[in-house]
Amino acid sequence: MKYYKINCGNGFCGCDEEWLMEATDSYELIAEEIIGYYTYETGAAGISPDDPEFDPDSEEFEGETYEELIYDNLFYEEISEEEFKNLRDEEEWEVRG
């Protein structure tokens, strides 16, 4: 098995999350799949990616779509089984996926 620590956000205060994921040895996690487990994938902080008022060209978003904001705030790293178990059992991180 491979073990991953995920940090994901959308760039807005209060929308950051941390969780763990597992994958088989022959499988690599990819960003598109990880984002599917992010709570705010479909919007947050008063922003809906489908809302016609969401203007990625506005100064606030600097030309980025909501999905790009998530990709910019997605960090994941492979960790050891020992670290995975410690985060899961001792620090009570959620395992998703």
C-alpha atoms as a PDB file:
ATOM      1  CA  MET A   1       0.000   0.000   0.000  1.00  0.00           C
ATOM      2  CA  LYS A   2       0.932   3.642  -0.472  1.00  0.00           C
ATOM      3  CA  TYR A   3      -0.124   6.250   2.066  1.00  0.00           C
ATOM      4  CA  TYR A   4      -0.758   9.935   1.459  1.00  0.00           C
ATOM      5  CA  LYS A   5      -1.240  13.058   3.538  1.00  0.00           C
ATOM      6  CA  ILE A   6      -3.514  15.571   1.799  1.00  0.00           C
ATOM      7  CA  ASN A   7      -3.824  19.328   2.410  1.00  0.00           C
ATOM      8  CA  CYS A   8      -6.465  21.033   0.292  1.00  0.00           C
ATOM      9  CA  GLY A   9      -8.123  24.433   0.178  1.00  0.00           C
ATOM     10  CA  ASN A  10      -9.588  26.941  -2.225  1.00  0.00           C
ATOM     11  CA  GLY A  11      -7.671  30.002  -1.074  1.00  0.00           C
ATOM     12  CA  PHE A  12     -10.436  31.300   1.189  1.00  0.00           C
ATOM     13  CA  CYS A  13     -10.315  31.431   4.973  1.00  0.00           C
ATOM     14  CA  GLY A  14     -11.941  28.461   6.699  1.00  0.00           C
ATOM     15  CA  CYS A  15     -11.943  26.164   3.682  1.00  0.00           C
ATOM     16  CA  ASP A  16      -8.690  24.290   4.325  1.00  0.00           C
ATOM     17  CA  GLU A  17      -8.845  20.573   5.044  1.00  0.00           C
ATOM     18  CA  GLU A  18      -6.370  17.824   5.882  1.00  0.00           C
ATOM     19  CA  TRP A  19      -7.008  14.116   5.468  1.00  0.00           C
ATOM     20  CA  LEU A  20      -5.340  10.813   4.620  1.00  0.00           C
ATOM     21  CA  MET A  21      -5.725   8.486   1.644  1.00  0.00           C
ATOM     22  CA  GLU A  22      -4.464   5.011   0.757  1.00  0.00           C
ATOM     23  CA  ALA A  23      -3.681   3.501  -2.634  1.00  0.00           C
ATOM     24  CA  THR A  24      -2.390   0.170  -3.839  1.00  0.00           C
ATOM     25  CA  ASP A  25       1.310  -0.058  -4.644  1.00  0.00           C
ATOM     26  CA  SER A  26       0.640  -0.103  -8.379  1.00  0.00           C
ATOM     27  CA  TYR A  27      -1.567   2.988  -8.279  1.00  0.00           C
ATOM     28  CA  GLU A  28      -0.600   6.657  -8.051  1.00  0.00           C
ATOM     29  CA  LEU A  29      -3.049   9.223  -6.729  1.00  0.00           C
ATOM     30  CA  ILE A  30      -3.758  12.066  -9.119  1.00  0.00           C
ATOM     31  CA  ALA A  31      -5.006  15.534  -8.284  1.00  0.00           C
ATOM     32  CA  GLU A  32      -8.315  15.122 -10.125  1.00  0.00           C
ATOM     33  CA  GLU A  33      -9.263  12.194  -7.889  1.00  0.00           C
ATOM     34  CA  ILE A  34      -8.107  13.856  -4.681  1.00  0.00           C
ATOM     35  CA  ILE A  35     -10.182  16.970  -5.346  1.00  0.00           C
ATOM     36  CA  GLY A  36     -13.269  14.753  -5.550  1.00  0.00           C
ATOM     37  CA  TYR A  37     -12.909  14.190  -1.779  1.00  0.00           C
ATOM     38  CA  TYR A  38     -12.606  17.891  -0.946  1.00  0.00           C
ATOM     39  CA  THR A  39     -15.694  19.126   0.914  1.00  0.00           C
ATOM     40  CA  TYR A  40     -15.758  22.466  -0.894  1.00  0.00           C
ATOM     41  CA  GLU A  41     -15.211  21.105  -4.406  1.00  0.00           C
ATOM     42  CA  THR A  42     -18.556  22.521  -5.530  1.00  0.00           C
ATOM     43  CA  GLY A  43     -18.137  25.901  -3.861  1.00  0.00           C
ATOM     44  CA  ALA A  44     -17.729  27.696  -0.559  1.00  0.00           C
ATOM     45  CA  ALA A  45     -17.306  31.085   1.059  1.00  0.00           C
ATOM     46  CA  GLY A  46     -20.200  32.486  -0.957  1.00  0.00           C
ATOM     47  CA  ILE A  47     -18.736  31.208  -4.222  1.00  0.00           C
ATOM     48  CA  SER A  48     -20.419  28.748  -6.523  1.00  0.00           C
ATOM     49  CA  PRO A  49     -18.454  27.787  -9.636  1.00  0.00           C
ATOM     50  CA  ASP A  50     -21.770  27.620 -11.530  1.00  0.00           C
ATOM     51  CA  ASP A  51     -22.946  31.034 -10.345  1.00  0.00           C
ATOM     52  CA  PRO A  52     -22.985  33.523 -13.225  1.00  0.00           C
ATOM     53  CA  GLU A  53     -21.738  36.165 -10.771  1.00  0.00           C
ATOM     54  CA  PHE A  54     -18.504  34.191 -10.227  1.00  0.00           C
ATOM     55  CA  ASP A  55     -16.153  36.070 -12.486  1.00  0.00           C
ATOM     56  CA  PRO A  56     -12.723  34.492 -12.774  1.00  0.00           C
ATOM     57  CA  ASP A  57     -11.579  37.627 -14.602  1.00  0.00           C
ATOM     58  CA  SER A  58     -12.209  39.843 -11.599  1.00  0.00           C
ATOM     59  CA  GLU A  59      -9.254  41.250  -9.691  1.00  0.00           C
ATOM     60  CA  GLU A  60     -10.112  39.094  -6.674  1.00  0.00           C
ATOM     61  CA  PHE A  61      -9.548  35.850  -8.596  1.00  0.00           C
ATOM     62  CA  GLU A  62      -6.740  37.040 -10.871  1.00  0.00           C
ATOM     63  CA  GLY A  63      -8.061  35.171 -13.915  1.00  0.00           C
ATOM     64  CA  GLU A  64      -8.357  31.795 -12.220  1.00  0.00           C
ATOM     65  CA  THR A  65     -11.392  29.557 -12.242  1.00  0.00           C
ATOM     66  CA  TYR A  66     -12.653  28.086  -8.972  1.00  0.00           C
ATOM     67  CA  GLU A  67     -11.156  24.714  -9.944  1.00  0.00           C
ATOM     68  CA  GLU A  68      -7.763  26.346 -10.538  1.00  0.00           C
ATOM     69  CA  LEU A  69      -7.961  27.957  -7.093  1.00  0.00           C
ATOM     70  CA  ILE A  70      -8.343  24.468  -5.602  1.00  0.00           C
ATOM     71  CA  TYR A  71      -5.451  23.061  -7.647  1.00  0.00           C
ATOM     72  CA  ASP A  72      -3.271  25.958  -6.470  1.00  0.00           C
ATOM     73  CA  ASN A  73      -4.051  25.056  -2.858  1.00  0.00           C
ATOM     74  CA  LEU A  74      -3.698  21.258  -3.137  1.00  0.00           C
ATOM     75  CA  PHE A  75      -0.658  19.610  -1.603  1.00  0.00           C
ATOM     76  CA  TYR A  76      -0.152  15.913  -1.082  1.00  0.00           C
ATOM     77  CA  GLU A  77       2.766  13.729  -0.219  1.00  0.00           C
ATOM     78  CA  GLU A  78       3.443  10.062   0.158  1.00  0.00           C
ATOM     79  CA  ILE A  79       4.121   9.150   3.785  1.00  0.00           C
ATOM     80  CA  SER A  80       5.221   6.003   5.588  1.00  0.00           C
ATOM     81  CA  GLU A  81       2.753   3.485   6.975  1.00  0.00           C
ATOM     82  CA  GLU A  82       3.960   4.394  10.459  1.00  0.00           C
ATOM     83  CA  GLU A  83       3.226   8.112   9.952  1.00  0.00           C
ATOM     84  CA  PHE A  84      -0.148   7.247   8.391  1.00  0.00           C
ATOM     85  CA  LYS A  85      -1.137   5.135  11.414  1.00  0.00           C
ATOM     86  CA  ASN A  86       0.065   7.822  13.816  1.00  0.00           C
ATOM     87  CA  LEU A  87      -1.958  10.559  12.092  1.00  0.00           C
ATOM     88  CA  ARG A  88      -5.010   8.308  11.847  1.00  0.00           C
ATOM     89  CA  ASP A  89      -4.931   6.799  15.343  1.00  0.00           C
ATOM     90  CA  GLU A  90      -3.155   9.344  17.533  1.00  0.00           C
ATOM     91  CA  GLU A  91      -4.076  12.627  15.869  1.00  0.00           C
ATOM     92  CA  GLU A  92      -7.459  11.380  14.584  1.00  0.00           C
ATOM     93  CA  TRP A  93      -7.062  12.467  10.967  1.00  0.00           C
ATOM     94  CA  GLU A  94      -9.891  11.331   8.716  1.00  0.00           C
ATOM     95  CA  VAL A  95      -9.206   8.719   6.038  1.00  0.00           C
ATOM     96  CA  ARG A  96     -11.075   9.399   2.807  1.00  0.00           C
ATOM     97  CA  GLY A  97     -11.357   7.433  -0.370  1.00  0.00           C
END
